[in-house]
Amino acid sequence: MKKPLFSFLIFTVLLSCNAKKEVSEVTFSGNPLFPGWYADPEAIIFGDEYWIYPTYSDHFEQPDTSSVFSSEQLAVRKNAINDQYLMQTFFNAFSSKDLTNWTKHSHVLDVKDVKWASYSLWAPSIIEANNQYYLFFSANDIQSNDEPGGIGVAVASTPAGPFKDALGRPLINEFHNGAQPIDQFVFKDDDGQIYMYYGGWRHCNIVKLSDDLLSIEPFDDGEVYKEITPENYVEGPFVFKRNGKYYFMWSEGGWGGPNYSVAYAIGDTPTGPFERIGKILQQDSTVATGAGHHSVLISPNSDDYYIVYHRRPLGVNNPHHRQTSLDKMEFDENGFIKPVKLTFEGVKSKKIEN
């Protein structure tokens, strides 16, 4: 009678060990996702890889700089209202197969390849179309229509670049409806039409892009720059579509302070109307402050959503010391976004299954 019992105990122990082994093999992305001070992360999936294109926010350990400036670019740099912006002259990108292990791609776009851009390369947005990759970006932080700069577009044959300026000038170089031409986000609707949402200074516009993504076309009503600013909007628009509804998201508060946050609205069309529902991402006094300017990753063939955003570590007061982080984004039974929980562990490692 003892032998069967002994065998059962051994079997139970082995099962327990195997269960513990499986638990121990679960890996998480961790937050921040990769070292460095980076902000405004644009996250997207290309093939079987996750990609993130952030703003270079500040030097971390070793300075990273552009090495080539034309005399015209150097002359424009006198317009910068913040010396910090003078170091933001390129974009690095990061790719991963599993959300956990990230590869850095240096200077996928640099001002040496954009003759009209001199500083403040901010908030890139990327899309694949026409067998190419189009990287939209803002440059020079223009304060009026009298300064050179605005929103541009660069093109490459691979997500890692190198990207080259496609127009030789900005796509949008003036204020329309009070919107500073920064913080662009490019969205492709189900019918194939590609829109661009953009705007700082508490105003947001939407425009229709041409098939080649190199010009702007009017809407059916003849309007070109259609303002869709919701209540409390500041900057950083982002849009995704779920169950036939358009989720319009944006950042609120001051980008350099602890109360930076993300709110959203839901509409029936790409142009709204969008009525503010509430905040879903904000600081956590036990984790981080200044959580904002985000994007959303949607896992193929599943209902897994991830929010990719920047935040400031506790105890850090330098507004430029921002880190790229990743957490789960979930919905309730009515389709409303639940408040996001900021974490240090991030999300479980996950490969893309197309």
Protein backbone atom coordinates (compact mmCIF):
# COMPACT_ATOMS: atom_id res chain seq x y z
CA MET A 1 0.00 0.00 0.00
CA LYS A 2 2.94 2.33 0.66
CA LYS A 3 4.40 1.99 -2.83
CA PRO A 4 1.39 3.42 -4.72
CA LEU A 5 1.20 6.27 -2.20
CA PHE A 6 4.92 6.97 -2.60
CA SER A 7 4.53 6.97 -6.41
CA PHE A 8 1.61 9.37 -6.14
CA LEU A 9 3.64 11.74 -3.97
CA ILE A 10 6.54 11.71 -6.47
CA PHE A 11 4.12 12.40 -9.33
CA THR A 12 2.59 15.28 -7.38
CA VAL A 13 6.00 16.77 -6.64
CA LEU A 14 6.99 16.53 -10.30
CA LEU A 15 3.80 18.28 -11.36
CA SER A 16 4.44 20.98 -8.80
CA CYS A 17 8.02 21.46 -10.02
CA ASN A 18 6.86 21.68 -13.63
CA ALA A 19 4.24 24.26 -12.70
CA LYS A 20 6.84 26.35 -10.89
CA LYS A 21 9.16 26.05 -13.87
CA GLU A 22 6.45 27.31 -16.22
CA VAL A 23 5.74 30.27 -13.94
CA SER A 24 9.42 31.11 -13.67
CA GLU A 25 9.78 31.08 -17.46
CA VAL A 26 7.19 33.85 -17.94
CA THR A 27 9.07 37.00 -18.89
CA PHE A 28 7.88 40.59 -18.82
CA SER A 29 8.87 43.61 -20.88
CA GLY A 30 9.83 45.66 -17.83
CA ASN A 31 9.49 49.45 -17.64
CA PRO A 32 11.19 51.42 -19.06
CA LEU A 33 11.39 49.31 -22.21
CA PHE A 34 14.92 50.40 -23.13
CA PRO A 35 17.56 52.70 -21.62
CA GLY A 36 17.67 56.39 -22.42
CA TRP A 37 15.58 59.52 -22.08
CA TYR A 38 12.93 59.21 -24.78
CA ALA A 39 9.45 60.70 -25.17
CA ASP A 40 6.37 60.71 -27.44
CA PRO A 41 6.69 57.05 -28.50
CA GLU A 42 4.98 55.99 -31.72
CA ALA A 43 4.44 52.22 -31.61
CA ILE A 44 3.48 50.13 -34.62
CA ILE A 45 3.71 46.59 -35.99
CA PHE A 46 5.49 45.80 -39.24
CA GLY A 47 5.37 42.12 -40.20
CA ASP A 48 6.43 40.08 -37.19
CA GLU A 49 8.15 42.96 -35.38
CA TYR A 50 7.10 45.67 -32.96
CA TRP A 51 8.63 49.07 -33.65
CA ILE A 52 8.84 52.21 -31.53
CA TYR A 53 9.85 55.63 -32.83
CA PRO A 54 10.28 58.15 -29.98
CA THR A 55 11.51 61.71 -29.59
CA TYR A 56 15.10 61.98 -28.35
CA SER A 57 14.50 63.81 -25.08
CA ASP A 58 17.94 64.21 -23.48
CA HIS A 59 21.44 62.77 -23.36
CA PHE A 60 21.76 59.58 -21.33
CA GLU A 61 25.23 58.44 -20.27
CA GLN A 62 26.94 59.16 -23.62
CA PRO A 63 25.70 62.17 -25.67
CA ASP A 64 24.13 61.36 -29.02
CA THR A 65 24.33 64.13 -31.61
CA SER A 66 24.03 64.97 -35.27
CA SER A 67 27.33 65.78 -36.93
CA VAL A 68 26.36 67.65 -40.09
CA PHE A 69 24.56 70.99 -40.30
CA SER A 70 24.34 73.37 -43.23
CA SER A 71 24.93 77.09 -42.77
CA GLU A 72 21.20 77.64 -43.27
CA GLN A 73 20.35 75.14 -40.55
CA LEU A 74 22.80 76.73 -38.15
CA ALA A 75 21.27 80.14 -38.78
CA VAL A 76 17.75 78.89 -37.96
CA ARG A 77 18.87 77.48 -34.61
CA LYS A 78 18.82 80.99 -33.13
CA ASN A 79 15.00 80.71 -33.09
CA ALA A 80 14.97 77.92 -30.50
CA ILE A 81 13.12 78.98 -27.34
CA ASN A 82 14.75 76.20 -25.31
CA ASP A 83 18.40 75.14 -25.57
CA GLN A 84 17.33 71.56 -24.94
CA TYR A 85 15.57 71.51 -28.31
CA LEU A 86 18.88 72.08 -30.09
CA MET A 87 19.97 68.51 -29.31
CA GLN A 88 16.78 67.01 -30.78
CA THR A 89 18.01 66.71 -34.35
CA PHE A 90 17.42 63.03 -35.16
CA PHE A 91 15.29 60.00 -34.38
CA ASN A 92 16.41 56.64 -33.06
CA ALA A 93 14.07 53.67 -33.43
CA PHE A 94 13.69 50.40 -31.53
CA SER A 95 12.44 47.01 -32.74
CA SER A 96 11.46 43.81 -30.96
CA LYS A 97 10.07 40.37 -31.76
CA ASP A 98 8.56 39.85 -28.32
CA LEU A 99 8.06 43.20 -26.52
CA THR A 100 10.94 42.28 -24.22
CA ASN A 101 14.21 42.35 -26.16
CA TRP A 102 14.72 45.60 -28.07
CA THR A 103 17.21 46.48 -30.79
CA LYS A 104 18.27 50.09 -31.26
CA HIS A 105 18.45 51.61 -34.75
CA SER A 106 20.43 54.85 -34.61
CA HIS A 107 19.55 57.99 -36.52
CA VAL A 108 16.89 56.51 -38.78
CA LEU A 109 16.23 60.15 -39.67
CA ASP A 110 18.74 62.98 -39.22
CA VAL A 111 18.62 66.68 -40.07
CA LYS A 112 21.44 66.13 -42.54
CA ASP A 113 18.78 64.58 -44.77
CA VAL A 114 16.17 67.33 -44.20
CA LYS A 115 17.61 70.63 -45.37
CA TRP A 116 14.81 72.79 -43.87
CA ALA A 117 14.88 71.13 -40.41
CA SER A 118 17.33 72.36 -37.79
CA TYR A 119 16.13 71.28 -34.33
CA SER A 120 13.08 70.09 -32.35
CA LEU A 121 12.51 66.90 -34.32
CA TRP A 122 9.47 65.70 -32.41
CA ALA A 123 6.83 62.98 -32.15
CA PRO A 124 7.38 60.87 -35.28
CA SER A 125 4.48 58.96 -36.81
CA ILE A 126 5.04 56.21 -39.35
CA ILE A 127 2.93 54.23 -41.79
CA GLU A 128 3.56 51.66 -44.52
CA ALA A 129 2.05 52.48 -47.91
CA ASN A 130 2.90 52.16 -51.60
CA ASN A 131 5.61 49.60 -50.74
CA GLN A 132 7.44 52.25 -48.73
CA TYR A 133 7.58 53.60 -45.19
CA TYR A 134 6.52 57.19 -44.58
CA LEU A 135 7.81 58.92 -41.45
CA PHE A 136 5.96 62.11 -40.52
CA PHE A 137 7.68 64.48 -38.09
CA SER A 138 7.67 68.05 -36.87
CA ALA A 139 10.71 70.30 -36.80
CA ASN A 140 11.82 73.73 -35.56
CA ASP A 141 8.95 74.25 -33.07
CA ILE A 142 7.71 77.24 -35.05
CA GLN A 143 6.05 79.97 -33.00
CA SER A 144 4.50 81.84 -35.94
CA ASN A 145 3.97 81.64 -39.67
CA ASP A 146 7.07 83.76 -40.17
CA GLU A 147 9.49 81.01 -39.09
CA PRO A 148 10.71 78.10 -41.24
CA GLY A 149 9.55 74.65 -40.12
CA GLY A 150 6.43 72.62 -39.42
CA ILE A 151 5.38 69.06 -40.28
CA GLY A 152 7.38 67.12 -42.84
CA VAL A 153 7.46 63.64 -44.34
CA ALA A 154 10.42 61.39 -45.05
CA VAL A 155 10.48 58.09 -46.97
CA ALA A 156 12.52 54.88 -46.75
CA SER A 157 12.39 51.35 -48.15
CA THR A 158 12.70 49.73 -44.69
CA PRO A 159 11.43 50.60 -41.20
CA ALA A 160 15.03 51.17 -40.09
CA GLY A 161 15.64 53.78 -42.75
CA PRO A 162 17.62 55.74 -43.54
CA PHE A 163 14.70 58.10 -44.16
CA LYS A 164 15.10 60.95 -46.64
CA ASP A 165 13.03 64.09 -46.88
CA ALA A 166 10.38 63.51 -49.54
CA LEU A 167 9.38 67.10 -50.35
CA GLY A 168 12.33 69.41 -49.72
CA ARG A 169 9.94 71.52 -47.62
CA PRO A 170 7.34 71.03 -44.89
CA LEU A 171 3.99 69.49 -45.74
CA ILE A 172 2.35 71.94 -43.29
CA ASN A 173 4.26 75.08 -42.39
CA GLU A 174 1.60 77.40 -40.99
CA PHE A 175 -0.89 77.64 -38.13
CA HIS A 176 -4.44 76.70 -39.09
CA ASN A 177 -7.33 77.05 -36.64
CA GLY A 178 -4.75 77.99 -34.00
CA ALA A 179 -3.00 74.59 -34.15
CA GLN A 180 0.77 74.61 -33.97
CA PRO A 181 2.02 72.20 -36.66
CA ILE A 182 3.45 69.52 -34.34
CA ASP A 183 2.46 66.12 -32.89
CA GLN A 184 1.21 64.53 -36.08
CA PHE A 185 -0.40 61.09 -36.13
CA VAL A 186 -1.24 59.23 -39.35
CA PHE A 187 -4.26 56.90 -39.40
CA LYS A 188 -5.49 54.57 -42.13
CA ASP A 189 -9.21 53.88 -42.11
CA ASP A 190 -10.85 50.64 -43.22
CA ASP A 191 -11.68 52.11 -46.63
CA GLY A 192 -8.01 52.87 -47.29
CA GLN A 193 -8.24 56.63 -46.77
CA ILE A 194 -5.31 57.97 -44.76
CA TYR A 195 -5.81 60.91 -42.42
CA MET A 196 -3.42 62.94 -40.34
CA TYR A 197 -4.35 64.34 -36.94
CA TYR A 198 -2.07 67.00 -35.52
CA GLY A 199 -1.77 70.08 -33.39
CA GLY A 200 -0.30 71.76 -30.35
CA TRP A 201 -1.32 74.90 -28.50
CA ARG A 202 -4.66 73.31 -27.47
CA HIS A 203 -6.01 72.92 -31.00
CA CYS A 204 -6.31 69.75 -33.11
CA ASN A 205 -6.89 69.48 -36.85
CA ILE A 206 -7.54 66.55 -39.14
CA VAL A 207 -6.50 66.54 -42.81
CA LYS A 208 -6.91 64.05 -45.65
CA LEU A 209 -3.72 62.84 -47.28
CA SER A 210 -3.37 62.10 -50.97
CA ASP A 211 -2.72 58.55 -52.18
CA ASP A 212 1.02 59.21 -52.35
CA LEU A 213 0.90 60.77 -48.84
CA LEU A 214 2.81 63.82 -50.06
CA SER A 215 -0.02 66.36 -50.24
CA ILE A 216 -3.26 67.33 -48.53
CA GLU A 217 -6.68 67.03 -50.16
CA PRO A 218 -9.91 68.83 -49.21
CA PHE A 219 -12.80 67.04 -47.54
CA ASP A 220 -16.06 66.61 -49.45
CA ASP A 221 -17.34 69.86 -47.95
CA GLY A 222 -14.32 71.74 -49.32
CA GLU A 223 -12.67 72.23 -45.95
CA VAL A 224 -8.94 71.41 -45.84
CA TYR A 225 -7.94 71.84 -42.20
CA LYS A 226 -10.88 70.60 -40.17
CA GLU A 227 -10.70 71.43 -36.47
CA ILE A 228 -11.93 68.68 -34.11
CA THR A 229 -10.58 69.94 -30.77
CA PRO A 230 -12.31 68.28 -27.79
CA GLU A 231 -12.57 69.68 -24.28
CA ASN A 232 -9.22 69.93 -22.42
CA TYR A 233 -7.17 68.92 -25.47
CA VAL A 234 -3.53 70.06 -25.31
CA GLU A 235 -1.49 67.97 -27.78
CA GLY A 236 -0.44 64.44 -28.81
CA PRO A 237 -3.47 63.08 -30.73
CA PHE A 238 -3.86 59.37 -31.44
CA VAL A 239 -6.69 57.43 -33.10
CA PHE A 240 -7.64 53.77 -33.42
CA LYS A 241 -10.79 51.95 -34.49
CA ARG A 242 -12.54 49.23 -32.50
CA ASN A 243 -15.91 47.60 -33.18
CA GLY A 244 -16.81 50.29 -35.69
CA LYS A 245 -16.06 53.20 -33.33
CA TYR A 246 -13.26 55.74 -33.56
CA TYR A 247 -11.31 56.25 -30.34
CA PHE A 248 -9.71 59.67 -30.33
CA MET A 249 -7.06 60.15 -27.64
CA TRP A 250 -4.87 63.08 -26.62
CA SER A 251 -2.63 64.47 -23.87
CA GLU A 252 -3.71 66.99 -21.24
CA GLY A 253 -1.79 69.15 -18.77
CA GLY A 254 1.72 70.51 -19.09
CA TRP A 255 4.25 68.18 -20.71
CA GLY A 256 6.95 69.15 -18.19
CA GLY A 257 4.88 68.62 -15.06
CA PRO A 258 3.67 65.64 -13.00
CA ASN A 259 0.04 66.01 -14.09
CA TYR A 260 0.59 65.23 -17.76
CA SER A 261 -2.06 62.65 -18.69
CA VAL A 262 -4.10 61.02 -21.46
CA ALA A 263 -7.84 61.38 -22.07
CA TYR A 264 -10.13 60.12 -24.83
CA ALA A 265 -13.43 60.39 -26.69
CA ILE A 266 -15.37 58.06 -28.98
CA GLY A 267 -16.92 59.03 -32.31
CA ASP A 268 -18.78 57.48 -35.22
CA THR A 269 -16.59 58.99 -37.95
CA PRO A 270 -12.89 59.92 -38.29
CA THR A 271 -13.86 63.57 -37.87
CA GLY A 272 -16.10 63.07 -34.87
CA PRO A 273 -17.79 64.83 -33.27
CA PHE A 274 -15.66 63.88 -30.27
CA GLU A 275 -16.94 64.60 -26.76
CA ARG A 276 -14.47 64.03 -23.95
CA ILE A 277 -15.16 60.94 -21.81
CA GLY A 278 -12.30 61.15 -19.30
CA LYS A 279 -8.72 60.36 -18.38
CA ILE A 280 -7.33 56.84 -18.67
CA LEU A 281 -3.61 57.41 -18.05
CA GLN A 282 -2.06 59.60 -15.37
CA GLN A 283 0.62 59.68 -12.71
CA ASP A 284 0.84 57.13 -9.90
CA SER A 285 2.59 58.36 -6.76
CA THR A 286 4.08 54.88 -6.23
CA VAL A 287 5.37 54.36 -9.79
CA ALA A 288 5.95 57.45 -11.95
CA THR A 289 4.77 60.96 -12.83
CA GLY A 290 4.09 62.83 -16.05
CA ALA A 291 2.52 59.85 -17.87
CA GLY A 292 1.41 60.98 -21.30
CA HIS A 293 1.94 61.44 -25.05
CA HIS A 294 1.20 57.88 -26.02
CA SER A 295 0.36 55.50 -28.82
CA VAL A 296 -1.50 52.18 -28.90
CA LEU A 297 -0.38 48.73 -30.07
CA ILE A 298 -3.10 46.29 -31.13
CA SER A 299 -2.02 42.66 -31.15
CA PRO A 300 -3.04 40.94 -34.43
CA ASN A 301 -5.81 38.32 -34.25
CA SER A 302 -6.59 39.12 -30.63
CA ASP A 303 -8.21 41.74 -28.43
CA ASP A 304 -4.95 42.57 -26.66
CA TYR A 305 -4.26 46.30 -26.52
CA TYR A 306 -1.14 47.95 -25.15
CA ILE A 307 -0.52 51.60 -24.40
CA VAL A 308 3.00 52.87 -25.09
CA TYR A 309 3.78 56.18 -23.39
CA HIS A 310 6.45 58.21 -21.68
CA ARG A 311 6.72 58.93 -17.96
CA ARG A 312 9.12 60.44 -15.47
CA PRO A 313 10.73 58.36 -12.69
CA LEU A 314 9.81 59.24 -9.11
CA GLY A 315 12.09 61.87 -7.63
CA VAL A 316 13.17 63.19 -11.03
CA ASN A 317 12.38 66.86 -11.63
CA ASN A 318 14.15 67.40 -14.94
CA PRO A 319 11.23 67.69 -17.41
CA HIS A 320 13.30 66.15 -20.21
CA HIS A 321 14.08 62.95 -18.31
CA ARG A 322 11.31 60.82 -19.72
CA GLN A 323 11.26 57.08 -20.30
CA THR A 324 9.31 54.92 -22.75
CA SER A 325 6.98 52.49 -20.99
CA LEU A 326 4.37 49.88 -21.93
CA ASP A 327 1.28 48.67 -20.07
CA LYS A 328 -1.96 46.86 -20.84
CA MET A 329 -5.02 48.80 -21.97
CA GLU A 330 -8.39 47.15 -21.36
CA PHE A 331 -12.06 47.86 -22.06
CA ASP A 332 -15.25 47.33 -20.09
CA GLU A 333 -18.35 45.57 -21.43
CA ASN A 334 -19.60 48.83 -22.95
CA GLY A 335 -16.41 49.53 -24.87
CA PHE A 336 -15.10 52.25 -22.58
CA ILE A 337 -11.39 52.25 -21.78
CA LYS A 338 -10.56 51.26 -18.22
CA PRO A 339 -8.02 53.36 -16.27
CA VAL A 340 -4.53 52.09 -17.07
CA LYS A 341 -2.42 50.79 -14.20
CA LEU A 342 1.18 51.98 -14.34
CA THR A 343 3.60 49.15 -13.58
CA PHE A 344 7.28 48.44 -13.28
CA GLU A 345 6.98 44.95 -14.80
CA GLY A 346 5.23 46.05 -18.01
CA VAL A 347 3.51 43.28 -19.99
CA LYS A 348 4.15 39.61 -20.72
CA SER A 349 6.48 38.78 -23.53
CA LYS A 350 4.47 38.10 -26.70
CA LYS A 351 5.49 37.26 -30.24
CA ILE A 352 3.34 38.37 -33.16
CA GLU A 353 1.10 35.71 -34.67
CA ASN A 354 -0.15 36.87 -38.07
